[in-house]
PDB file of N, CA and C in Angstrom:
ATOM      1  N   MET A   1     -11.111  -1.529  15.039  1.00  0.00           N
ATOM      2  CA  MET A   1     -11.671  -0.696  13.979  1.00  0.00           C
ATOM      3  C   MET A   1     -10.820  -0.849  12.723  1.00  0.00           C
ATOM      4  N   ALA A   2     -11.466  -1.051  11.597  1.00  0.00           N
ATOM      5  CA  ALA A   2     -10.774  -1.257  10.329  1.00  0.00           C
ATOM      6  C   ALA A   2     -10.454   0.082   9.664  1.00  0.00           C
ATOM      7  N   MET A   3      -9.509   0.037   8.743  1.00  0.00           N
ATOM      8  CA  MET A   3      -9.183   1.220   7.932  1.00  0.00           C
ATOM      9  C   MET A   3     -10.024   1.188   6.675  1.00  0.00           C
ATOM     10  N   ASN A   4     -10.333   2.358   6.142  1.00  0.00           N
ATOM     11  CA  ASN A   4     -11.019   2.365   4.855  1.00  0.00           C
ATOM     12  C   ASN A   4     -10.002   2.562   3.732  1.00  0.00           C
ATOM     13  N   ALA A   5     -10.418   2.260   2.530  1.00  0.00           N
ATOM     14  CA  ALA A   5      -9.520   2.295   1.372  1.00  0.00           C
ATOM     15  C   ALA A   5      -8.922   3.686   1.162  1.00  0.00           C
ATOM     16  N   GLY A   6      -9.704   4.716   1.386  1.00  0.00           N
ATOM     17  CA  GLY A   6      -9.217   6.083   1.211  1.00  0.00           C
ATOM     18  C   GLY A   6      -8.082   6.421   2.156  1.00  0.00           C
ATOM     19  N   ASP A   7      -8.193   5.957   3.402  1.00  0.00           N
ATOM     20  CA  ASP A   7      -7.129   6.210   4.378  1.00  0.00           C
ATOM     21  C   ASP A   7      -5.842   5.483   3.996  1.00  0.00           C
ATOM     22  N   ILE A   8      -5.978   4.258   3.505  1.00  0.00           N
ATOM     23  CA  ILE A   8      -4.806   3.494   3.070  1.00  0.00           C
ATOM     24  C   ILE A   8      -4.116   4.230   1.928  1.00  0.00           C
ATOM     25  N   GLU A   9      -4.898   4.668   0.949  1.00  0.00           N
ATOM     26  CA  GLU A   9      -4.347   5.388  -0.204  1.00  0.00           C
ATOM     27  C   GLU A   9      -3.646   6.673   0.232  1.00  0.00           C
ATOM     28  N   LYS A  10      -4.268   7.431   1.133  1.00  0.00           N
ATOM     29  CA  LYS A  10      -3.668   8.689   1.611  1.00  0.00           C
ATOM     30  C   LYS A  10      -2.333   8.447   2.300  1.00  0.00           C
ATOM     31  N   LEU A  11      -2.258   7.418   3.146  1.00  0.00           N
ATOM     32  CA  LEU A  11      -1.005   7.121   3.842  1.00  0.00           C
ATOM     33  C   LEU A  11       0.104   6.739   2.864  1.00  0.00           C
ATOM     34  N   ILE A  12      -0.238   5.898   1.895  1.00  0.00           N
ATOM     35  CA  ILE A  12       0.770   5.476   0.917  1.00  0.00           C
ATOM     36  C   ILE A  12       1.248   6.673   0.109  1.00  0.00           C
ATOM     37  N   LYS A  13       0.327   7.513  -0.350  1.00  0.00           N
ATOM     38  CA  LYS A  13       0.707   8.687  -1.146  1.00  0.00           C
ATOM     39  C   LYS A  13       1.485   9.706  -0.327  1.00  0.00           C
ATOM     40  N   ALA A  14       1.210   9.791   0.969  1.00  0.00           N
ATOM     41  CA  ALA A  14       1.969  10.704   1.827  1.00  0.00           C
ATOM     42  C   ALA A  14       3.400  10.208   1.989  1.00  0.00           C
ATOM     43  N   GLY A  15       3.573   8.892   2.078  1.00  0.00           N
ATOM     44  CA  GLY A  15       4.896   8.322   2.262  1.00  0.00           C
ATOM     45  C   GLY A  15       5.681   8.152   0.978  1.00  0.00           C
ATOM     46  N   ILE A  16       4.953   7.987  -0.132  1.00  0.00           N
ATOM     47  CA  ILE A  16       5.569   7.815  -1.455  1.00  0.00           C
ATOM     48  C   ILE A  16       4.835   8.772  -2.395  1.00  0.00           C
ATOM     49  N   PRO A  17       5.242  10.049  -2.399  1.00  0.00           N
ATOM     50  CA  PRO A  17       4.461  11.094  -3.075  1.00  0.00           C
ATOM     51  C   PRO A  17       4.184  10.870  -4.564  1.00  0.00           C
ATOM     52  N   ASP A  18       5.080  10.191  -5.278  1.00  0.00           N
ATOM     53  CA  ASP A  18       4.844  10.003  -6.715  1.00  0.00           C
ATOM     54  C   ASP A  18       4.036   8.745  -7.019  1.00  0.00           C
ATOM     55  N   ALA A  19       3.565   8.048  -6.006  1.00  0.00           N
ATOM     56  CA  ALA A  19       2.886   6.767  -6.191  1.00  0.00           C
ATOM     57  C   ALA A  19       1.526   6.917  -6.849  1.00  0.00           C
ATOM     58  N   GLN A  20       1.252   5.976  -7.737  1.00  0.00           N
ATOM     59  CA  GLN A  20      -0.091   5.782  -8.268  1.00  0.00           C
ATOM     60  C   GLN A  20      -0.635   4.585  -7.493  1.00  0.00           C
ATOM     61  N   VAL A  21      -1.740   4.765  -6.797  1.00  0.00           N
ATOM     62  CA  VAL A  21      -2.240   3.746  -5.871  1.00  0.00           C
ATOM     63  C   VAL A  21      -3.651   3.329  -6.265  1.00  0.00           C
ATOM     64  N   THR A  22      -3.869   2.010  -6.328  1.00  0.00           N
ATOM     65  CA  THR A  22      -5.198   1.455  -6.549  1.00  0.00           C
ATOM     66  C   THR A  22      -5.475   0.500  -5.387  1.00  0.00           C
ATOM     67  N   ILE A  23      -6.576   0.721  -4.684  1.00  0.00           N
ATOM     68  CA  ILE A  23      -6.947  -0.107  -3.544  1.00  0.00           C
ATOM     69  C   ILE A  23      -8.257  -0.825  -3.862  1.00  0.00           C
ATOM     70  N   ARG A  24      -8.300  -2.115  -3.569  1.00  0.00           N
ATOM     71  CA  ARG A  24      -9.541  -2.891  -3.714  1.00  0.00           C
ATOM     72  C   ARG A  24      -9.848  -3.584  -2.390  1.00  0.00           C
ATOM     73  N   ASP A  25     -11.104  -3.550  -1.985  1.00  0.00           N
ATOM     74  CA  ASP A  25     -11.566  -4.281  -0.804  1.00  0.00           C
ATOM     75  C   ASP A  25     -11.889  -5.696  -1.269  1.00  0.00           C
ATOM     76  N   LEU A  26     -11.093  -6.669  -0.850  1.00  0.00           N
ATOM     77  CA  LEU A  26     -11.201  -8.026  -1.376  1.00  0.00           C
ATOM     78  C   LEU A  26     -12.420  -8.788  -0.862  1.00  0.00           C
ATOM     79  N   ALA A  27     -12.797  -8.557   0.380  1.00  0.00           N
ATOM     80  CA  ALA A  27     -13.861  -9.347   0.981  1.00  0.00           C
ATOM     81  C   ALA A  27     -15.107  -8.527   1.307  1.00  0.00           C
ATOM     82  N   GLY A  28     -15.044  -7.218   1.088  1.00  0.00           N
ATOM     83  CA  GLY A  28     -16.176  -6.368   1.406  1.00  0.00           C
ATOM     84  C   GLY A  28     -16.351  -6.135   2.900  1.00  0.00           C
ATOM     85  N   ASP A  29     -15.297  -6.486   3.674  1.00  0.00           N
ATOM     86  CA  ASP A  29     -15.408  -6.374   5.127  1.00  0.00           C
ATOM     87  C   ASP A  29     -14.563  -5.249   5.720  1.00  0.00           C
ATOM     88  N   GLY A  30     -13.846  -4.505   4.860  1.00  0.00           N
ATOM     89  CA  GLY A  30     -13.007  -3.424   5.346  1.00  0.00           C
ATOM     90  C   GLY A  30     -11.761  -3.899   6.069  1.00  0.00           C
ATOM     91  N   ASP A  31     -11.462  -5.188   6.003  1.00  0.00           N
ATOM     92  CA  ASP A  31     -10.290  -5.751   6.678  1.00  0.00           C
ATOM     93  C   ASP A  31      -9.278  -6.366   5.717  1.00  0.00           C
ATOM     94  N   HIS A  32      -9.711  -6.718   4.525  1.00  0.00           N
ATOM     95  CA  HIS A  32      -8.854  -7.425   3.574  1.00  0.00           C
ATOM     96  C   HIS A  32      -8.799  -6.640   2.268  1.00  0.00           C
ATOM     97  N   TYR A  33      -7.639  -6.059   2.013  1.00  0.00           N
ATOM     98  CA  TYR A  33      -7.467  -5.202   0.845  1.00  0.00           C
ATOM     99  C   TYR A  33      -6.364  -5.714  -0.068  1.00  0.00           C
ATOM    100  N   ALA A  34      -6.427  -5.289  -1.315  1.00  0.00           N
ATOM    101  CA  ALA A  34      -5.332  -5.457  -2.265  1.00  0.00           C
ATOM    102  C   ALA A  34      -4.915  -4.058  -2.692  1.00  0.00           C
ATOM    103  N   ALA A  35      -3.628  -3.840  -2.767  1.00  0.00           N
ATOM    104  CA  ALA A  35      -3.107  -2.538  -3.191  1.00  0.00           C
ATOM    105  C   ALA A  35      -2.120  -2.744  -4.323  1.00  0.00           C
ATOM    106  N   GLU A  36      -2.295  -1.961  -5.372  1.00  0.00           N
ATOM    107  CA  GLU A  36      -1.315  -1.901  -6.453  1.00  0.00           C
ATOM    108  C   GLU A  36      -0.670  -0.522  -6.350  1.00  0.00           C
ATOM    109  N   VAL A  37       0.654  -0.512  -6.192  1.00  0.00           N
ATOM    110  CA  VAL A  37       1.380   0.740  -6.019  1.00  0.00           C
ATOM    111  C   VAL A  37       2.453   0.818  -7.102  1.00  0.00           C
ATOM    112  N   VAL A  38       2.382   1.863  -7.908  1.00  0.00           N
ATOM    113  CA  VAL A  38       3.342   2.086  -8.989  1.00  0.00           C
ATOM    114  C   VAL A  38       4.102   3.366  -8.662  1.00  0.00           C
ATOM    115  N   SER A  39       5.436   3.274  -8.625  1.00  0.00           N
ATOM    116  CA  SER A  39       6.236   4.440  -8.272  1.00  0.00           C
ATOM    117  C   SER A  39       7.614   4.377  -8.918  1.00  0.00           C
ATOM    118  N   GLU A  40       8.060   5.507  -9.413  1.00  0.00           N
ATOM    119  CA  GLU A  40       9.418   5.609  -9.961  1.00  0.00           C
ATOM    120  C   GLU A  40      10.450   5.364  -8.855  1.00  0.00           C
ATOM    121  N   SER A  41      10.100   5.684  -7.628  1.00  0.00           N
ATOM    122  CA  SER A  41      11.048   5.501  -6.518  1.00  0.00           C
ATOM    123  C   SER A  41      11.357   4.027  -6.252  1.00  0.00           C
ATOM    124  N   PHE A  42      10.594   3.115  -6.843  1.00  0.00           N
ATOM    125  CA  PHE A  42      10.868   1.680  -6.712  1.00  0.00           C
ATOM    126  C   PHE A  42      11.951   1.203  -7.681  1.00  0.00           C
ATOM    127  N   ARG A  43      12.250   2.003  -8.683  1.00  0.00           N
ATOM    128  CA  ARG A  43      13.185   1.565  -9.734  1.00  0.00           C
ATOM    129  C   ARG A  43      14.536   1.177  -9.121  1.00  0.00           C
ATOM    130  N   GLY A  44      15.018  -0.005  -9.510  1.00  0.00           N
ATOM    131  CA  GLY A  44      16.315  -0.495  -9.057  1.00  0.00           C
ATOM    132  C   GLY A  44      16.289  -1.134  -7.680  1.00  0.00           C
ATOM    133  N   LYS A  45      15.118  -1.155  -7.049  1.00  0.00           N
ATOM    134  CA  LYS A  45      15.008  -1.738  -5.713  1.00  0.00           C
ATOM    135  C   LYS A  45      14.352  -3.124  -5.811  1.00  0.00           C
ATOM    136  N   SER A  46      14.742  -4.007  -4.921  1.00  0.00           N
ATOM    137  CA  SER A  46      14.149  -5.345  -4.905  1.00  0.00           C
ATOM    138  C   SER A  46      12.681  -5.257  -4.488  1.00  0.00           C
ATOM    139  N   ARG A  47      11.944  -6.297  -4.793  1.00  0.00           N
ATOM    140  CA  ARG A  47      10.528  -6.351  -4.425  1.00  0.00           C
ATOM    141  C   ARG A  47      10.376  -6.241  -2.897  1.00  0.00           C
ATOM    142  N   VAL A  48      11.286  -6.860  -2.157  1.00  0.00           N
ATOM    143  CA  VAL A  48      11.234  -6.793  -0.692  1.00  0.00           C
ATOM    144  C   VAL A  48      11.371  -5.346  -0.221  1.00  0.00           C
ATOM    145  N   ILE A  49      12.321  -4.606  -0.776  1.00  0.00           N
ATOM    146  CA  ILE A  49      12.516  -3.201  -0.399  1.00  0.00           C
ATOM    147  C   ILE A  49      11.299  -2.372  -0.793  1.00  0.00           C
ATOM    148  N   GLN A  50      10.747  -2.631  -1.978  1.00  0.00           N
ATOM    149  CA  GLN A  50       9.547  -1.909  -2.417  1.00  0.00           C
ATOM    150  C   GLN A  50       8.405  -2.109  -1.420  1.00  0.00           C
ATOM    151  N   HIS A  51       8.197  -3.344  -0.995  1.00  0.00           N
ATOM    152  CA  HIS A  51       7.121  -3.634  -0.047  1.00  0.00           C
ATOM    153  C   HIS A  51       7.405  -2.992   1.301  1.00  0.00           C
ATOM    154  N   GLN A  52       8.659  -3.018   1.727  1.00  0.00           N
ATOM    155  CA  GLN A  52       9.025  -2.361   2.984  1.00  0.00           C
ATOM    156  C   GLN A  52       8.737  -0.868   2.923  1.00  0.00           C
ATOM    157  N   MET A  53       8.952  -0.255   1.767  1.00  0.00           N
ATOM    158  CA  MET A  53       8.660   1.167   1.600  1.00  0.00           C
ATOM    159  C   MET A  53       7.167   1.436   1.801  1.00  0.00           C
ATOM    160  N   VAL A  54       6.338   0.561   1.244  1.00  0.00           N
ATOM    161  CA  VAL A  54       4.888   0.726   1.399  1.00  0.00           C
ATOM    162  C   VAL A  54       4.489   0.515   2.859  1.00  0.00           C
ATOM    163  N   TYR A  55       5.020  -0.528   3.492  1.00  0.00           N
ATOM    164  CA  TYR A  55       4.693  -0.785   4.896  1.00  0.00           C
ATOM    165  C   TYR A  55       5.119   0.388   5.773  1.00  0.00           C
ATOM    166  N   GLN A  56       6.262   0.974   5.483  1.00  0.00           N
ATOM    167  CA  GLN A  56       6.723   2.137   6.240  1.00  0.00           C
ATOM    168  C   GLN A  56       5.749   3.297   6.050  1.00  0.00           C
ATOM    169  N   ALA A  57       5.263   3.480   4.829  1.00  0.00           N
ATOM    170  CA  ALA A  57       4.302   4.555   4.550  1.00  0.00           C
ATOM    171  C   ALA A  57       3.001   4.342   5.334  1.00  0.00           C
ATOM    172  N   LEU A  58       2.685   3.100   5.650  1.00  0.00           N
ATOM    173  CA  LEU A  58       1.452   2.799   6.384  1.00  0.00           C
ATOM    174  C   LEU A  58       1.584   3.080   7.878  1.00  0.00           C
ATOM    175  N   GLN A  59       2.736   3.535   8.300  1.00  0.00           N
ATOM    176  CA  GLN A  59       2.972   4.054   9.653  1.00  0.00           C
ATOM    177  C   GLN A  59       2.546   3.100  10.765  1.00  0.00           C
ATOM    178  N   GLY A  60       2.903   1.831  10.628  1.00  0.00           N
ATOM    179  CA  GLY A  60       2.634   0.869  11.695  1.00  0.00           C
ATOM    180  C   GLY A  60       1.217   0.332  11.744  1.00  0.00           C
ATOM    181  N   ASN A  61       0.372   0.694  10.803  1.00  0.00           N
ATOM    182  CA  ASN A  61      -1.008   0.210  10.800  1.00  0.00           C
ATOM    183  C   ASN A  61      -1.150  -1.217  10.293  1.00  0.00           C
ATOM    184  N   MET A  62      -0.145  -1.698   9.533  1.00  0.00           N
ATOM    185  CA  MET A  62      -0.197  -3.061   8.997  1.00  0.00           C
ATOM    186  C   MET A  62      -0.148  -4.048  10.157  1.00  0.00           C
ATOM    187  N   GLY A  63      -1.090  -4.990  10.174  1.00  0.00           N
ATOM    188  CA  GLY A  63      -1.148  -5.974  11.240  1.00  0.00           C
ATOM    189  C   GLY A  63      -1.936  -5.492  12.447  1.00  0.00           C
ATOM    190  N   GLY A  64      -2.283  -4.216  12.450  1.00  0.00           N
ATOM    191  CA  GLY A  64      -3.111  -3.659  13.520  1.00  0.00           C
ATOM    192  C   GLY A  64      -4.493  -3.380  12.982  1.00  0.00           C
ATOM    193  N   VAL A  65      -4.786  -2.097  12.752  1.00  0.00           N
ATOM    194  CA  VAL A  65      -6.099  -1.745  12.201  1.00  0.00           C
ATOM    195  C   VAL A  65      -6.236  -2.183  10.749  1.00  0.00           C
ATOM    196  N   LEU A  66      -5.122  -2.381  10.088  1.00  0.00           N
ATOM    197  CA  LEU A  66      -5.131  -2.930   8.727  1.00  0.00           C
ATOM    198  C   LEU A  66      -4.739  -4.388   8.831  1.00  0.00           C
ATOM    199  N   HIS A  67      -5.726  -5.259   8.752  1.00  0.00           N
ATOM    200  CA  HIS A  67      -5.522  -6.679   9.023  1.00  0.00           C
ATOM    201  C   HIS A  67      -4.749  -7.392   7.908  1.00  0.00           C
ATOM    202  N   ALA A  68      -5.153  -7.188   6.661  1.00  0.00           N
ATOM    203  CA  ALA A  68      -4.524  -7.923   5.559  1.00  0.00           C
ATOM    204  C   ALA A  68      -4.431  -7.041   4.322  1.00  0.00           C
ATOM    205  N   LEU A  69      -3.261  -7.063   3.690  1.00  0.00           N
ATOM    206  CA  LEU A  69      -3.045  -6.271   2.480  1.00  0.00           C
ATOM    207  C   LEU A  69      -2.241  -7.098   1.487  1.00  0.00           C
ATOM    208  N   ALA A  70      -2.875  -7.465   0.385  1.00  0.00           N
ATOM    209  CA  ALA A  70      -2.185  -8.123  -0.720  1.00  0.00           C
ATOM    210  C   ALA A  70      -1.533  -7.005  -1.521  1.00  0.00           C
ATOM    211  N   LEU A  71      -0.228  -7.032  -1.616  1.00  0.00           N
ATOM    212  CA  LEU A  71       0.509  -5.901  -2.170  1.00  0.00           C
ATOM    213  C   LEU A  71       1.201  -6.259  -3.471  1.00  0.00           C
ATOM    214  N   GLN A  72       1.010  -5.407  -4.476  1.00  0.00           N
ATOM    215  CA  GLN A  72       1.702  -5.538  -5.761  1.00  0.00           C
ATOM    216  C   GLN A  72       2.363  -4.204  -6.037  1.00  0.00           C
ATOM    217  N   THR A  73       3.685  -4.233  -6.240  1.00  0.00           N
ATOM    218  CA  THR A  73       4.428  -2.998  -6.514  1.00  0.00           C
ATOM    219  C   THR A  73       5.131  -3.109  -7.861  1.00  0.00           C
ATOM    220  N   SER A  74       5.309  -1.948  -8.509  1.00  0.00           N
ATOM    221  CA  SER A  74       6.007  -1.923  -9.784  1.00  0.00           C
ATOM    222  C   SER A  74       6.466  -0.499 -10.092  1.00  0.00           C
ATOM    223  N   VAL A  75       7.269  -0.386 -11.131  1.00  0.00           N
ATOM    224  CA  VAL A  75       7.700   0.927 -11.610  1.00  0.00           C
ATOM    225  C   VAL A  75       6.863   1.275 -12.835  1.00  0.00           C
ATOM    226  N   PRO A  76       6.740   2.557 -13.157  1.00  0.00           N
ATOM    227  CA  PRO A  76       5.962   2.953 -14.343  1.00  0.00           C
ATOM    228  C   PRO A  76       6.607   2.391 -15.620  1.00  0.00           C
ATOM    229  N   ASP A  77       5.761   2.135 -16.609  1.00  0.00           N
ATOM    230  CA  ASP A  77       6.252   1.648 -17.913  1.00  0.00           C
ATOM    231  C   ASP A  77       7.037   2.709 -18.628  1.00  0.00           C
TER     232      ASP A  77
END
């Protein structure tokens, strides 16, 4: 069973409360998403750490019910 975009957004926001999250379904199949996550908590952290923070917020769903996620992280302007 695939995750829907709303569930992905809720998990990320629960794990990173100040995050601004944009989710796009890339293939229209509910399995391949792109996420843009902007958070002040990313400031000063490497891109690898930022992505790990998002994966942690997804509570183990990455690679399971969430098959593919193209991830872009940044800090607010």
